[in-house]
Structures are given as C-alpha cells and as structure tokens.
Amino acid sequence: MDSQQALLDSIDARTKLAGSNKMEILLFSLGTGEIFGINVFKVREVSQTPLITKTPNTPLGVEGVISLRGNIIPVISLAKFTNLEGAPSDTGHTMIVTEFSRHTQGFLVHEVDRIIRVDWDKVKPPQSMLMGNDALITAITELPDGKLVSILDVEQILARAIGEEEVPTLEKVQSTREHMVFFADDSTVARREITKVLEGMGVKYQQATNGLEAWEKLQAMATRVQHDGSSLRDQISVILTDAEMPEMDGYVLAKNIKADQRFNGIPVVMHSSLSSEANRAMGQSVGVDTYVGKFDPVILADTLRPYLE
C-alpha cells in the first residue's frame, strides 16, 4: 500500500476523538524549517502532485484546477499563498485533498510528515501580533521535542482563494423580546461571516475566539445573572459554536453547557466546516440541539430563526 495512503487509511475511525478534547493533526512542510498542520478530519486523501490545468485571472497561489473523480477542484500552493519566505520556487511535490465548508480543494505542500494526536488544551491561539484579518495561522501547538506546529486557518485561505460567501438581504427577526446570540469560533473569516448574518437579522451578539474563552465568558454571565436573581434564558437566546477550536473544542463546550443547569432551555447550535455524519452524530451525543454546516448565510439564518421568534 502506498505509504501516504497508509498514513490516512484509518481516518474514518478517528471520529471517536470528537468530544474527548483531543484532535489529530496531519503535519507537513512547505520547504522551510517550519512545521505546519491541518486537522485530519478535513483531509480526504494525500497524493503526488497531479497534472494541473492552468486557469487565468486567479489569485496568487492558486495554481489551477484538476479533475478528481469527475469533479473539477481548485489547487492552491500553500507556500505561494502564504508568501512564506525561503520556500522553494516550485509549487510542491505533494497534494493534500481537503474537504470542508462545502468545498473540496487541493493544497500543494513540500512534504507530508506524520499524524500526531494532541489535547486541545495544548493547542493555543497564536500570539496577538499574529492575529488580525490577515492572519493565516489559527493556532499553535508544541511537539515533544519543543518544535512548534502552526495550524493554518484553511477557512481563511479558502475565502481568499474563491471569495467569501455574499450575505444577501435577510429578513429581520420579528419578536416581542430582544434576542442575543452568543457564538464561538477561532476563524477570523468565520466570525466575520457570522457577524454579517446576525447583523442582517437585526440580532445582538457576543463572541469568543475559542471554546475555553467562551466557557469562561458564559460562566461569568451565568454567575452574574444568578446573583441578580434573573434568568440566563432572558440574556442568551442561542449559543452557536464551532466544532474545532483551540484550548477547548466545541463538543466539550456543548457538553459543559448541557451539564450546567443554569443553561437549561438555551439551545446549542453547532456550526462547523466538518459536516460528516460522524461529526453530526458526535454533536448529538453531547446534547447539541442542531448541527449546521459552514458556510451558507441563508441556511445559517434559517437555522437560527426558529430560536429567535
């Protein structure tokens, strides 16, 4: 069996990690000394770089398209796209085919290394100087030998390559009371898209950039409301959470919320680029009320609307 295929032949069995606050990362290099990673759940296959059909007027780093089992998919050179200093001039010897956010695409890399398993609490947000709308790194973790792994914000890369989903004019929420949605997502582009939807619906919101930050903010809100003698349900209408986030994933966040009686009656919606049935089933097992895939603004609005009217 091809060694690269053998590396990924048990991916389907890895779904049991969801909810354990662990993740598995496929490590790869872009031809420099840096180590990069991507969540295994987003990887469909790994192969040698195929023959790529060049296409005109594409963003820097988008090499062209290939036909994969009857489907035409874009191919992106990660070294060029991230403008990585010191990377080789060629596009990459290996292609990682990924599937997330309703899209399939190939990422060209220099070399695939191995899969490692890490605890989400060992996966940290990047330093503040790396954050912002232009950041392409969503998290960092450390290997046993002390080397750092940069986990790429592939949703941000995809948005830049093919463009962000346009948010159409949305119908405002009609309700006799004011609503507030609390959402958590570590991706800059995802937070921006969610914000556009909520503002389009005329709904107030608060946000967090990872599961642990979300849990700490939610606990603080619950404590304050409990002290005031009011109901948390009057403060928060819906909690919307990503599945994969640094420090605490969305499954553990949902499990914590559902185990705390102070949050009784507040629905939890999981909003994830990981849309396989296994991930949906895992969401249900930790008490998620609804699972919605990223990112279709109309579908997200339609999913949230019943909880807001």
Protein backbone atom coordinates (compact mmCIF):
# COMPACT_ATOMS: atom_id res chain seq x y z
CA MET A 1 0.00 0.00 0.00
CA ASP A 2 1.22 3.50 -0.80
CA SER A 3 2.85 4.95 2.32
CA GLN A 4 0.90 8.20 2.10
CA GLN A 5 -2.39 6.34 1.74
CA ALA A 6 -1.40 4.12 4.67
CA LEU A 7 -0.89 7.28 6.69
CA LEU A 8 -4.58 8.14 6.27
CA ASP A 9 -6.26 4.74 5.94
CA SER A 10 -7.83 4.90 9.40
CA ILE A 11 -9.19 8.46 9.29
CA ASP A 12 -12.81 7.30 9.47
CA ALA A 13 -12.10 5.55 12.78
CA ARG A 14 -10.69 8.75 14.25
CA THR A 15 -14.09 10.34 14.70
CA LYS A 16 -14.22 8.83 18.18
CA LEU A 17 -11.77 11.56 19.22
CA ALA A 18 -14.50 14.16 18.88
CA GLY A 19 -15.74 15.07 22.34
CA SER A 20 -12.58 13.85 24.07
CA ASN A 21 -10.97 17.30 23.70
CA LYS A 22 -8.30 15.69 21.53
CA MET A 23 -7.50 16.23 17.88
CA GLU A 24 -5.24 14.64 15.31
CA ILE A 25 -3.12 16.83 13.08
CA LEU A 26 -1.51 15.95 9.78
CA LEU A 27 1.96 17.51 9.83
CA PHE A 28 3.56 18.83 6.65
CA SER A 29 6.28 21.21 5.50
CA LEU A 30 6.40 23.89 2.83
CA GLY A 31 10.11 23.53 2.13
CA THR A 32 11.38 25.61 5.04
CA GLY A 33 12.26 24.61 8.58
CA GLU A 34 8.75 25.39 9.79
CA ILE A 35 6.18 22.71 10.58
CA PHE A 36 2.54 23.19 9.65
CA GLY A 37 -0.56 21.20 10.42
CA ILE A 38 -4.18 20.62 9.45
CA ASN A 39 -6.92 18.79 11.31
CA VAL A 40 -7.13 15.22 9.99
CA PHE A 41 -10.93 15.50 9.85
CA LYS A 42 -10.53 17.96 6.96
CA VAL A 43 -8.24 15.68 4.94
CA ARG A 44 -9.73 13.40 2.31
CA GLU A 45 -6.56 11.98 0.77
CA VAL A 46 -2.87 12.61 0.07
CA SER A 47 -1.23 12.05 -3.31
CA GLN A 48 1.63 13.12 -5.52
CA THR A 49 1.05 16.44 -7.27
CA PRO A 50 -1.01 15.72 -10.40
CA LEU A 51 -1.04 17.48 -13.75
CA ILE A 52 -2.68 20.86 -13.11
CA THR A 53 -4.66 22.78 -15.71
CA LYS A 54 -3.73 26.44 -15.54
CA THR A 55 -6.57 28.93 -15.31
CA PRO A 56 -6.39 32.69 -16.00
CA ASN A 57 -7.06 35.52 -13.56
CA THR A 58 -6.62 33.50 -10.39
CA PRO A 59 -5.31 34.84 -7.05
CA LEU A 60 -1.64 34.40 -6.25
CA GLY A 61 -1.03 30.84 -5.14
CA VAL A 62 -3.98 29.30 -6.96
CA GLU A 63 -2.16 27.09 -9.47
CA GLY A 64 -5.18 25.99 -11.47
CA VAL A 65 -7.64 23.09 -11.37
CA ILE A 66 -7.63 19.31 -11.63
CA SER A 67 -10.28 16.72 -12.34
CA LEU A 68 -10.73 14.46 -9.33
CA ARG A 69 -13.18 11.60 -9.79
CA GLY A 70 -15.28 13.62 -12.17
CA ASN A 71 -15.18 16.84 -10.14
CA ILE A 72 -13.18 19.95 -11.00
CA ILE A 73 -11.40 21.31 -7.90
CA PRO A 74 -9.00 24.23 -7.40
CA VAL A 75 -5.40 23.56 -6.43
CA ILE A 76 -3.61 26.00 -4.12
CA SER A 77 0.12 26.23 -3.48
CA LEU A 78 0.29 26.94 0.25
CA ALA A 79 3.88 28.22 0.08
CA LYS A 80 2.94 30.81 -2.55
CA PHE A 81 -0.40 31.63 -0.99
CA THR A 82 1.09 32.32 2.42
CA ASN A 83 4.04 34.13 0.82
CA LEU A 84 6.36 32.04 3.00
CA GLU A 85 9.89 33.41 2.98
CA GLY A 86 12.55 30.88 1.99
CA ALA A 87 10.13 28.40 0.41
CA PRO A 88 11.25 26.66 -2.81
CA SER A 89 10.10 28.21 -6.08
CA ASP A 90 8.32 25.04 -7.19
CA THR A 91 4.69 24.53 -6.20
CA GLY A 92 5.15 21.43 -4.05
CA HIS A 93 5.65 17.69 -4.51
CA THR A 94 2.58 16.52 -2.60
CA MET A 95 -1.10 17.39 -2.71
CA ILE A 96 -3.40 17.22 0.31
CA VAL A 97 -7.02 16.98 -0.81
CA THR A 98 -9.25 18.62 1.77
CA GLU A 99 -13.00 18.84 2.22
CA PHE A 100 -14.67 21.41 4.45
CA SER A 101 -17.18 24.26 4.29
CA ARG A 102 -18.99 22.56 1.39
CA HIS A 103 -15.88 22.74 -0.82
CA THR A 104 -13.20 20.32 -1.97
CA GLN A 105 -9.75 21.65 -2.86
CA GLY A 106 -6.14 20.52 -3.17
CA PHE A 107 -3.33 22.08 -1.15
CA LEU A 108 0.18 21.70 -2.56
CA VAL A 109 2.86 21.15 0.09
CA HIS A 110 6.53 20.22 0.03
CA GLU A 111 6.26 17.05 2.10
CA VAL A 112 3.80 15.26 4.38
CA ASP A 113 5.31 14.04 7.64
CA ARG A 114 3.00 12.17 10.03
CA ILE A 115 -0.15 12.37 12.10
CA ILE A 116 0.08 13.37 15.75
CA ARG A 117 -2.55 13.35 18.48
CA VAL A 118 -2.75 16.33 20.82
CA ASP A 119 -5.05 17.61 23.54
CA TRP A 120 -7.00 20.68 22.51
CA ASP A 121 -5.85 22.42 25.70
CA LYS A 122 -2.30 22.15 24.33
CA VAL A 123 -3.42 23.92 21.15
CA LYS A 124 -3.12 27.65 21.78
CA PRO A 125 -4.23 30.72 19.85
CA PRO A 126 -1.31 32.48 18.13
CA GLN A 127 0.29 35.44 19.81
CA SER A 128 -1.61 38.69 19.44
CA MET A 129 0.91 40.04 16.96
CA LEU A 130 -0.06 37.27 14.56
CA MET A 131 -3.78 37.90 14.88
CA GLY A 132 -5.98 40.10 12.76
CA ASN A 133 -7.81 39.90 9.49
CA ASP A 134 -4.65 38.99 7.56
CA ALA A 135 -3.50 36.17 9.84
CA LEU A 136 -3.42 32.73 8.23
CA ILE A 137 -2.46 30.88 11.41
CA THR A 138 -5.36 29.95 13.65
CA ALA A 139 -3.49 28.03 16.38
CA ILE A 140 -0.10 26.77 17.55
CA THR A 141 0.90 23.61 19.38
CA GLU A 142 4.22 22.17 20.51
CA LEU A 143 5.79 18.80 19.71
CA PRO A 144 7.55 16.74 22.43
CA ASP A 145 10.91 17.89 21.07
CA GLY A 146 9.91 21.53 21.55
CA LYS A 147 9.30 22.33 17.90
CA LEU A 148 6.24 24.45 17.17
CA VAL A 149 3.46 23.49 14.77
CA SER A 150 1.48 26.26 13.08
CA ILE A 151 -2.09 25.21 12.29
CA LEU A 152 -3.31 27.07 9.24
CA ASP A 153 -6.65 28.82 9.08
CA VAL A 154 -7.75 26.95 5.97
CA GLU A 155 -11.16 28.64 6.05
CA GLN A 156 -9.41 31.99 5.68
CA ILE A 157 -7.28 30.61 2.83
CA LEU A 158 -10.34 29.23 1.05
CA ALA A 159 -12.21 32.52 1.46
CA ARG A 160 -9.33 34.43 -0.11
CA ALA A 161 -8.95 31.92 -2.93
CA ILE A 162 -12.59 31.68 -4.03
CA GLY A 163 -14.12 34.69 -2.26
CA GLU A 164 -16.32 34.93 0.79
CA GLU A 165 -19.97 33.96 0.56
CA GLU A 166 -22.08 37.02 -0.16
CA VAL A 167 -24.67 37.63 2.53
CA PRO A 168 -27.99 38.53 0.90
CA THR A 169 -30.56 40.81 2.48
CA LEU A 170 -32.03 38.82 5.36
CA GLU A 171 -35.43 39.17 6.92
CA LYS A 172 -35.25 40.82 10.32
CA VAL A 173 -36.26 38.73 13.30
CA GLN A 174 -39.80 39.55 14.41
CA SER A 175 -40.13 39.04 18.14
CA THR A 176 -41.73 40.57 21.20
CA ARG A 177 -38.45 40.40 23.10
CA GLU A 178 -34.83 41.30 22.40
CA HIS A 179 -32.56 38.42 21.48
CA MET A 180 -28.85 37.84 21.88
CA VAL A 181 -26.77 35.11 20.24
CA PHE A 182 -23.50 34.05 21.85
CA PHE A 183 -21.10 32.48 19.36
CA ALA A 184 -17.60 30.99 19.48
CA ASP A 185 -15.27 30.43 16.53
CA ASP A 186 -11.50 30.59 16.19
CA SER A 187 -11.52 31.51 12.49
CA THR A 188 -11.39 35.20 11.68
CA VAL A 189 -13.32 34.76 8.44
CA ALA A 190 -15.99 32.64 10.16
CA ARG A 191 -16.53 35.23 12.89
CA ARG A 192 -16.84 37.92 10.25
CA GLU A 193 -19.41 35.90 8.29
CA ILE A 194 -21.45 35.04 11.38
CA THR A 195 -21.45 38.69 12.40
CA LYS A 196 -22.80 39.72 9.00
CA VAL A 197 -25.66 37.23 9.30
CA LEU A 198 -26.62 38.28 12.82
CA GLU A 199 -26.47 41.97 11.95
CA GLY A 200 -28.56 41.26 8.85
CA MET A 201 -31.16 39.59 11.06
CA GLY A 202 -31.11 42.50 13.49
CA VAL A 203 -29.91 40.32 16.37
CA LYS A 204 -27.45 41.36 19.07
CA TYR A 205 -24.47 39.11 19.76
CA GLN A 206 -21.42 38.43 21.87
CA GLN A 207 -18.48 36.36 20.71
CA ALA A 208 -15.44 34.35 21.79
CA THR A 209 -12.42 33.17 19.81
CA ASN A 210 -12.17 29.66 21.27
CA GLY A 211 -14.06 27.18 23.42
CA LEU A 212 -12.27 27.94 26.67
CA GLU A 213 -12.79 31.69 26.31
CA ALA A 214 -16.45 31.02 25.50
CA TRP A 215 -16.92 28.81 28.55
CA GLU A 216 -15.29 31.36 30.85
CA LYS A 217 -17.47 34.17 29.46
CA LEU A 218 -20.63 32.07 29.69
CA GLN A 219 -19.87 31.05 33.29
CA ALA A 220 -19.29 34.69 34.23
CA MET A 221 -22.63 35.62 32.66
CA ALA A 222 -24.38 32.78 34.48
CA THR A 223 -22.88 33.78 37.81
CA ARG A 224 -23.85 37.41 37.35
CA VAL A 225 -27.43 36.54 36.36
CA GLN A 226 -27.74 34.09 39.25
CA HIS A 227 -26.59 36.79 41.65
CA ASP A 228 -29.19 39.19 40.22
CA GLY A 229 -31.93 36.61 40.62
CA SER A 230 -32.87 36.73 36.93
CA SER A 231 -32.92 34.05 34.22
CA LEU A 232 -29.99 33.37 31.91
CA ARG A 233 -32.53 32.40 29.24
CA ASP A 234 -33.58 36.05 29.18
CA GLN A 235 -29.97 37.06 28.43
CA ILE A 236 -28.95 34.41 25.87
CA SER A 237 -31.31 33.10 23.21
CA VAL A 238 -28.93 30.74 21.38
CA ILE A 239 -25.34 29.55 21.76
CA LEU A 240 -23.60 28.95 18.41
CA THR A 241 -20.29 27.10 18.49
CA ASP A 242 -17.67 25.86 16.08
CA ALA A 243 -16.54 22.24 16.50
CA GLU A 244 -12.73 22.57 16.35
CA MET A 245 -11.21 25.33 18.45
CA PRO A 246 -8.01 25.82 20.46
CA GLU A 247 -7.90 25.05 24.19
CA MET A 248 -11.44 23.56 24.29
CA ASP A 249 -13.33 22.16 21.31
CA GLY A 250 -17.00 22.76 20.62
CA TYR A 251 -18.02 19.26 21.70
CA VAL A 252 -16.61 19.73 25.20
CA LEU A 253 -18.06 23.24 25.33
CA ALA A 254 -21.51 21.87 24.44
CA LYS A 255 -21.14 19.07 27.00
CA ASN A 256 -20.24 21.61 29.70
CA ILE A 257 -23.22 23.80 28.82
CA LYS A 258 -25.68 20.91 28.85
CA ALA A 259 -24.33 19.66 32.20
CA ASP A 260 -24.86 23.07 33.87
CA GLN A 261 -28.48 23.58 34.93
CA ARG A 262 -28.09 27.36 34.71
CA PHE A 263 -28.17 26.98 30.91
CA ASN A 264 -31.36 24.91 30.85
CA GLY A 265 -33.60 25.92 27.98
CA ILE A 266 -30.83 27.60 25.96
CA PRO A 267 -30.33 25.77 22.64
CA VAL A 268 -26.82 24.97 21.41
CA VAL A 269 -26.24 25.05 17.65
CA MET A 270 -23.00 23.58 16.29
CA HIS A 271 -21.74 25.45 13.21
CA SER A 272 -18.86 23.56 11.67
CA SER A 273 -16.95 23.07 8.44
CA LEU A 274 -16.78 19.38 9.43
CA SER A 275 -20.10 18.22 8.05
CA SER A 276 -19.76 14.42 8.02
CA GLU A 277 -22.47 12.27 9.55
CA ALA A 278 -19.98 11.09 12.19
CA ASN A 279 -19.45 14.67 13.34
CA ARG A 280 -23.20 15.31 13.40
CA ALA A 281 -23.70 12.18 15.46
CA MET A 282 -20.99 13.26 17.88
CA GLY A 283 -22.70 16.61 18.26
CA GLN A 284 -25.97 14.90 19.10
CA SER A 285 -24.23 12.69 21.65
CA VAL A 286 -23.09 15.73 23.66
CA GLY A 287 -26.51 17.36 23.54
CA VAL A 288 -26.22 19.74 20.58
CA ASP A 289 -29.72 20.78 19.52
CA THR A 290 -28.91 21.45 15.86
CA TYR A 291 -25.88 20.93 13.62
CA VAL A 292 -25.38 23.24 10.62
CA GLY A 293 -22.51 23.15 8.13
CA LYS A 294 -20.42 26.17 7.15
CA PHE A 295 -20.97 28.42 5.38
CA ASP A 296 -24.25 29.33 3.78
CA PRO A 297 -25.62 32.57 5.24
CA VAL A 298 -29.23 31.78 4.32
CA ILE A 299 -29.08 28.29 5.85
CA LEU A 300 -27.44 29.66 9.00
CA ALA A 301 -30.12 32.35 9.32
CA ASP A 302 -32.90 29.80 8.72
CA THR A 303 -31.36 27.51 11.35
CA LEU A 304 -31.21 30.24 13.98
CA ARG A 305 -34.55 31.91 13.21
CA PRO A 306 -36.85 29.39 15.00
CA TYR A 307 -34.95 30.03 18.23
CA LEU A 308 -35.31 33.78 17.87
CA GLU A 309 -39.01 34.24 17.13
